[in-house]
Amino acid sequence: MLIQNKTLVRLRELTNEETEYRSGPALVRFFNELGFSDVYGQGFPSRWVYTEERLSDVNGTSRMTECIERLFAPINFINNEDRLDICLSDFNKYLKFDGWKVVLRRGKACVVKDDGISHDENEGIDEFLGKDFGDTVFDVLGVEPRLVEILKMRIDEIQKAITADAPLASIFLSGSTLEGILLGIACKYPAIFNSSNKAPRDKEGKVLRFTCWKLGVLIDVAHDVGFLKEDVRKFSHVLREFRNYIHPMQQMGIGFAPDMYTARICLQVLRAAIFQVGQRVEG
């Protein structure tokens, strides 16, 4: 498990002071439980330096997961559950940017992947997957014919990737195809998209060119001006986050390992977006 420097700094503060005050000997005991063999005595560095060094040593290894789970173990917060809730909520704000979160399960703290889907959303995924959005039809979108041909080829590629049990390829293609559709619609309806309060602007307040809009912005603006409904906006952001793992180092740091269930979710998001955009265009 690998976390970035700002998260590491916050973890050091929680370890030294905020979950509980740990003296030098207490810190040595804490980290020795993770496999170190340190001895507290003369020449021992400051508590802050020691904790920072040990956290850096375990960062990027399985011991980082164990460290966090030990730190937030509920048994350490008996009669002080409010402090656990506060510390956990605060740390998860940082950990989210590393793709992880800490949850409490059966009296234990567990580090799990933060896939952008809350527990409530998870309960609605199967229902979402079961929806029938009909045949995938691009012609009703009214975008450039050349773009339509490319989009059709990509849908075919996605289907082949799913058949070949290649979820990562399917997810990346689904994300890029969604971006192509929304960018094409923005170019077809520039006045509508530029009028949105969510449209990105430069320092002078002028709306940026569409080629500068990222997928997250395209999703939010498309929802704001009525091309996407709330359910598809929400799941489109999940697809966007998965698509960003096209960078190998980011995938390695977060440990993203999608399966075919994830791939089917992403394809369903794409189909839903095409359906809703088509409805808006025809309406």
Protein backbone atom coordinates (compact mmCIF):
# COMPACT_ATOMS: atom_id res chain seq x y z
CA MET A 1 0.00 0.00 0.00
CA LEU A 2 1.46 3.32 -1.12
CA ILE A 3 0.28 6.74 0.09
CA GLN A 4 1.41 10.19 -0.91
CA ASN A 5 3.44 12.57 1.23
CA LYS A 6 0.55 14.71 2.53
CA THR A 7 -1.29 11.60 3.69
CA LEU A 8 1.93 10.39 5.29
CA VAL A 9 2.32 13.65 7.22
CA ARG A 10 -1.27 13.39 8.46
CA LEU A 11 -0.68 9.79 9.50
CA ARG A 12 2.37 10.84 11.50
CA GLU A 13 0.31 13.43 13.39
CA LEU A 14 -2.38 10.88 14.16
CA THR A 15 0.18 8.33 15.29
CA ASN A 16 2.13 10.68 17.55
CA GLU A 17 -0.59 12.77 19.09
CA GLU A 18 -4.16 12.61 17.95
CA THR A 19 -5.32 9.01 18.24
CA GLU A 20 -3.46 9.02 21.55
CA TYR A 21 -0.29 10.62 22.87
CA ARG A 22 2.59 8.18 22.32
CA SER A 23 5.87 8.67 24.14
CA GLY A 24 9.16 7.55 22.60
CA PRO A 25 8.99 4.08 24.21
CA ALA A 26 5.34 3.72 23.17
CA LEU A 27 6.22 4.57 19.55
CA VAL A 28 9.01 1.99 19.59
CA ARG A 29 6.55 -0.65 20.83
CA PHE A 30 4.03 0.37 18.18
CA PHE A 31 6.46 0.01 15.29
CA ASN A 32 8.17 -3.10 16.68
CA GLU A 33 4.77 -4.79 16.41
CA LEU A 34 5.15 -4.19 12.67
CA GLY A 35 8.41 -6.12 12.55
CA PHE A 36 11.09 -3.62 13.57
CA SER A 37 13.62 -4.28 16.35
CA ASP A 38 14.23 -0.78 17.68
CA VAL A 39 15.44 0.03 21.19
CA TYR A 40 14.61 3.26 22.98
CA GLY A 41 17.64 4.85 24.65
CA GLN A 42 20.37 7.45 24.40
CA GLY A 43 20.68 9.00 20.99
CA PHE A 44 17.08 8.25 20.10
CA PRO A 45 15.80 10.86 17.60
CA SER A 46 12.82 13.11 18.24
CA ARG A 47 9.43 11.41 18.26
CA TRP A 48 8.45 13.19 15.06
CA VAL A 49 11.62 12.22 13.18
CA TYR A 50 11.40 8.60 14.34
CA THR A 51 7.75 8.22 13.34
CA GLU A 52 8.37 9.85 9.96
CA GLU A 53 11.27 7.51 9.26
CA ARG A 54 9.34 4.39 10.19
CA LEU A 55 6.26 5.39 8.21
CA SER A 56 8.48 6.01 5.19
CA ASP A 57 10.01 2.56 5.68
CA VAL A 58 6.62 0.81 5.58
CA ASN A 59 5.10 2.98 2.86
CA GLY A 60 4.56 0.99 -0.32
CA THR A 61 4.48 -2.33 1.57
CA SER A 62 1.81 -4.49 3.18
CA ARG A 63 3.02 -3.22 6.56
CA MET A 64 1.49 0.17 5.80
CA THR A 65 -1.94 -1.46 5.71
CA GLU A 66 -1.21 -3.22 9.02
CA CYS A 67 0.05 0.04 10.53
CA ILE A 68 -3.14 1.92 9.70
CA GLU A 69 -5.40 -0.90 10.85
CA ARG A 70 -3.54 -1.13 14.17
CA LEU A 71 -3.69 2.62 14.64
CA PHE A 72 -7.48 2.75 14.24
CA ALA A 73 -8.29 -0.54 15.98
CA PRO A 74 -11.53 0.17 17.91
CA ILE A 75 -10.23 -1.67 20.97
CA ASN A 76 -7.81 1.23 21.46
CA PHE A 77 -10.74 3.65 21.72
CA ILE A 78 -12.86 2.00 24.42
CA ASN A 79 -14.89 4.73 26.18
CA ASN A 80 -13.59 7.18 23.57
CA GLU A 81 -15.48 6.17 20.44
CA ASP A 82 -16.12 9.79 19.47
CA ARG A 83 -12.38 10.34 19.06
CA LEU A 84 -12.17 7.29 16.78
CA ASP A 85 -14.99 8.64 14.59
CA ILE A 86 -13.35 12.07 14.34
CA CYS A 87 -9.86 10.74 13.58
CA LEU A 88 -11.13 8.18 11.08
CA SER A 89 -13.31 10.67 9.23
CA ASP A 90 -10.47 13.16 8.99
CA PHE A 91 -7.89 10.62 7.80
CA ASN A 92 -10.23 9.22 5.16
CA LYS A 93 -10.39 12.69 3.59
CA TYR A 94 -6.67 12.37 2.87
CA LEU A 95 -6.67 8.67 2.10
CA LYS A 96 -9.35 9.14 -0.57
CA PHE A 97 -6.78 10.78 -2.84
CA ASP A 98 -4.66 7.64 -2.63
CA GLY A 99 -7.60 5.43 -3.57
CA TRP A 100 -8.12 3.90 -0.13
CA LYS A 101 -10.39 4.27 2.87
CA VAL A 102 -10.61 2.81 6.38
CA VAL A 103 -13.88 1.17 7.37
CA LEU A 104 -14.96 -0.53 10.59
CA ARG A 105 -16.11 -4.13 10.24
CA ARG A 106 -17.01 -6.44 13.12
CA GLY A 107 -14.96 -4.51 15.65
CA LYS A 108 -11.90 -4.15 13.43
CA ALA A 109 -10.45 -1.39 11.25
CA CYS A 110 -9.97 -2.49 7.64
CA VAL A 111 -8.22 -0.69 4.81
CA VAL A 112 -10.16 -1.16 1.58
CA LYS A 113 -10.02 0.28 -1.89
CA ASP A 114 -12.02 3.43 -2.40
CA ASP A 115 -13.63 2.78 -5.80
CA GLY A 116 -15.74 5.92 -5.63
CA ILE A 117 -18.87 3.93 -4.83
CA SER A 118 -20.44 4.24 -1.40
CA HIS A 119 -22.19 1.36 0.32
CA ASP A 120 -25.57 2.83 -0.65
CA GLU A 121 -24.44 3.09 -4.27
CA ASN A 122 -23.24 -0.51 -4.24
CA GLU A 123 -26.73 -1.60 -3.31
CA GLY A 124 -28.06 0.10 -6.44
CA ILE A 125 -25.48 -1.21 -8.90
CA ASP A 126 -27.21 -4.49 -9.66
CA GLU A 127 -30.45 -2.61 -10.28
CA PHE A 128 -28.58 -0.23 -12.58
CA LEU A 129 -26.96 -3.14 -14.44
CA GLY A 130 -30.40 -4.66 -14.96
CA LYS A 131 -31.82 -1.61 -16.74
CA ASP A 132 -32.48 -1.94 -20.46
CA PHE A 133 -31.26 1.06 -22.43
CA GLY A 134 -32.10 -0.51 -25.76
CA ASP A 135 -29.77 -0.75 -28.72
CA THR A 136 -26.76 1.54 -28.74
CA VAL A 137 -27.65 4.07 -31.45
CA PHE A 138 -25.26 6.92 -32.25
CA ASP A 139 -27.02 8.34 -35.30
CA VAL A 140 -29.64 10.14 -33.20
CA LEU A 141 -26.92 12.16 -31.47
CA GLY A 142 -26.42 14.35 -34.51
CA VAL A 143 -22.64 14.56 -34.11
CA GLU A 144 -20.18 14.44 -36.99
CA PRO A 145 -20.61 11.30 -39.15
CA ARG A 146 -16.86 10.61 -38.90
CA LEU A 147 -17.13 10.67 -35.11
CA VAL A 148 -20.12 8.32 -35.24
CA GLU A 149 -18.07 5.77 -37.19
CA ILE A 150 -15.26 5.96 -34.63
CA LEU A 151 -17.71 5.57 -31.74
CA LYS A 152 -19.27 2.51 -33.37
CA MET A 153 -15.84 0.92 -33.81
CA ARG A 154 -15.04 1.58 -30.16
CA ILE A 155 -18.24 -0.07 -28.96
CA ASP A 156 -17.29 -3.11 -31.03
CA GLU A 157 -13.81 -3.08 -29.46
CA ILE A 158 -15.31 -2.88 -25.96
CA GLN A 159 -17.53 -5.89 -26.65
CA LYS A 160 -14.51 -7.83 -27.95
CA ALA A 161 -12.50 -6.91 -24.85
CA ILE A 162 -15.28 -8.16 -22.57
CA THR A 163 -15.59 -11.39 -24.56
CA ALA A 164 -11.81 -11.83 -24.31
CA ASP A 165 -11.89 -11.33 -20.52
CA ALA A 166 -9.87 -8.10 -20.77
CA PRO A 167 -11.55 -5.78 -18.23
CA LEU A 168 -8.84 -3.13 -18.13
CA ALA A 169 -8.98 -2.57 -21.90
CA SER A 170 -12.78 -2.46 -21.77
CA ILE A 171 -12.78 0.15 -19.00
CA PHE A 172 -10.27 2.43 -20.72
CA LEU A 173 -12.22 2.26 -23.99
CA SER A 174 -15.53 2.94 -22.20
CA GLY A 175 -14.10 6.03 -20.51
CA SER A 176 -12.56 7.46 -23.66
CA THR A 177 -15.72 6.76 -25.66
CA LEU A 178 -17.84 8.58 -23.08
CA GLU A 179 -15.49 11.54 -23.31
CA GLY A 180 -15.72 11.52 -27.11
CA ILE A 181 -19.53 11.51 -27.00
CA LEU A 182 -19.82 14.35 -24.51
CA LEU A 183 -17.20 16.44 -26.31
CA GLY A 184 -19.03 15.86 -29.60
CA ILE A 185 -22.33 16.95 -28.03
CA ALA A 186 -20.69 20.03 -26.51
CA CYS A 187 -19.38 21.02 -29.94
CA LYS A 188 -22.86 20.52 -31.41
CA TYR A 189 -24.52 22.67 -28.72
CA PRO A 190 -21.81 25.20 -27.75
CA ALA A 191 -24.20 27.90 -26.53
CA ILE A 192 -25.95 25.50 -24.15
CA PHE A 193 -22.74 24.06 -22.70
CA ASN A 194 -21.00 27.44 -22.43
CA SER A 195 -23.98 28.89 -20.55
CA SER A 196 -23.60 26.42 -17.66
CA ASN A 197 -22.38 27.74 -14.32
CA LYS A 198 -20.19 24.64 -14.14
CA ALA A 199 -18.34 25.47 -17.36
CA PRO A 200 -14.60 25.99 -16.66
CA ARG A 201 -13.29 29.52 -17.01
CA ASP A 202 -9.92 31.24 -17.17
CA LYS A 203 -8.74 33.94 -14.76
CA GLU A 204 -10.66 36.58 -16.70
CA GLY A 205 -13.91 34.64 -16.46
CA LYS A 206 -13.94 33.52 -20.08
CA VAL A 207 -15.14 29.96 -20.77
CA LEU A 208 -12.30 27.69 -21.86
CA ARG A 209 -12.31 26.02 -25.25
CA PHE A 210 -13.98 22.62 -25.27
CA THR A 211 -10.67 20.91 -26.06
CA CYS A 212 -9.48 22.06 -22.61
CA TRP A 213 -12.43 20.50 -20.77
CA LYS A 214 -11.65 17.32 -18.87
CA LEU A 215 -14.05 14.40 -18.66
CA GLY A 216 -15.17 15.31 -15.13
CA VAL A 217 -16.19 18.77 -16.31
CA LEU A 218 -17.97 17.39 -19.38
CA ILE A 219 -19.97 15.05 -17.16
CA ASP A 220 -21.01 17.77 -14.70
CA VAL A 221 -21.92 20.29 -17.39
CA ALA A 222 -23.85 17.67 -19.40
CA HIS A 223 -25.84 16.95 -16.26
CA ASP A 224 -26.30 20.63 -15.48
CA VAL A 225 -27.80 21.39 -18.90
CA GLY A 226 -30.02 18.30 -18.97
CA PHE A 227 -28.17 15.79 -21.15
CA LEU A 228 -27.42 13.39 -18.29
CA LYS A 229 -29.62 12.49 -15.32
CA GLU A 230 -28.31 12.23 -11.77
CA ASP A 231 -27.86 8.45 -11.73
CA VAL A 232 -25.74 8.44 -14.88
CA ARG A 233 -23.80 11.53 -13.74
CA LYS A 234 -22.88 9.71 -10.52
CA PHE A 235 -21.82 6.47 -12.20
CA SER A 236 -20.03 8.37 -14.99
CA HIS A 237 -17.68 9.81 -12.39
CA VAL A 238 -16.93 6.27 -11.20
CA LEU A 239 -16.07 5.34 -14.80
CA ARG A 240 -13.91 8.48 -15.05
CA GLU A 241 -11.92 7.50 -11.97
CA PHE A 242 -11.37 3.97 -13.29
CA ARG A 243 -10.29 5.35 -16.67
CA ASN A 244 -7.61 7.46 -14.95
CA TYR A 245 -5.79 4.27 -13.94
CA ILE A 246 -4.53 4.08 -17.52
CA HIS A 247 -1.32 5.42 -15.95
CA PRO A 248 0.58 2.30 -14.70
CA MET A 249 2.23 4.05 -11.75
CA GLN A 250 -1.13 5.30 -10.48
CA GLN A 251 -2.62 1.84 -10.87
CA MET A 252 0.32 0.34 -8.99
CA GLY A 253 0.09 2.83 -6.14
CA ILE A 254 -3.60 2.22 -5.60
CA GLY A 255 -3.58 -1.48 -6.39
CA PHE A 256 -6.45 -1.22 -8.88
CA ALA A 257 -7.28 -4.70 -10.21
CA PRO A 258 -10.63 -4.63 -12.05
CA ASP A 259 -12.68 -7.69 -12.88
CA MET A 260 -15.35 -8.31 -15.49
CA TYR A 261 -18.08 -7.11 -13.13
CA THR A 262 -16.40 -3.69 -13.05
CA ALA A 263 -16.06 -3.76 -16.84
CA ARG A 264 -19.78 -4.48 -17.26
CA ILE A 265 -20.64 -1.60 -14.95
CA CYS A 266 -18.54 0.75 -17.08
CA LEU A 267 -20.12 -0.44 -20.33
CA GLN A 268 -23.59 -0.02 -18.82
CA VAL A 269 -22.69 3.54 -17.79
CA LEU A 270 -21.65 4.26 -21.37
CA ARG A 271 -24.87 2.79 -22.78
CA ALA A 272 -26.95 4.77 -20.30
CA ALA A 273 -25.17 7.99 -21.22
CA ILE A 274 -25.74 7.40 -24.93
CA PHE A 275 -29.42 6.68 -24.26
CA GLN A 276 -29.98 9.80 -22.13
CA VAL A 277 -28.07 12.10 -24.45
CA GLY A 278 -30.07 10.72 -27.38
CA GLN A 279 -33.32 11.39 -25.55
CA ARG A 280 -32.28 14.99 -24.86
CA VAL A 281 -31.31 15.56 -28.50
CA GLU A 282 -34.52 14.10 -29.85
CA GLY A 283 -36.60 15.97 -27.26
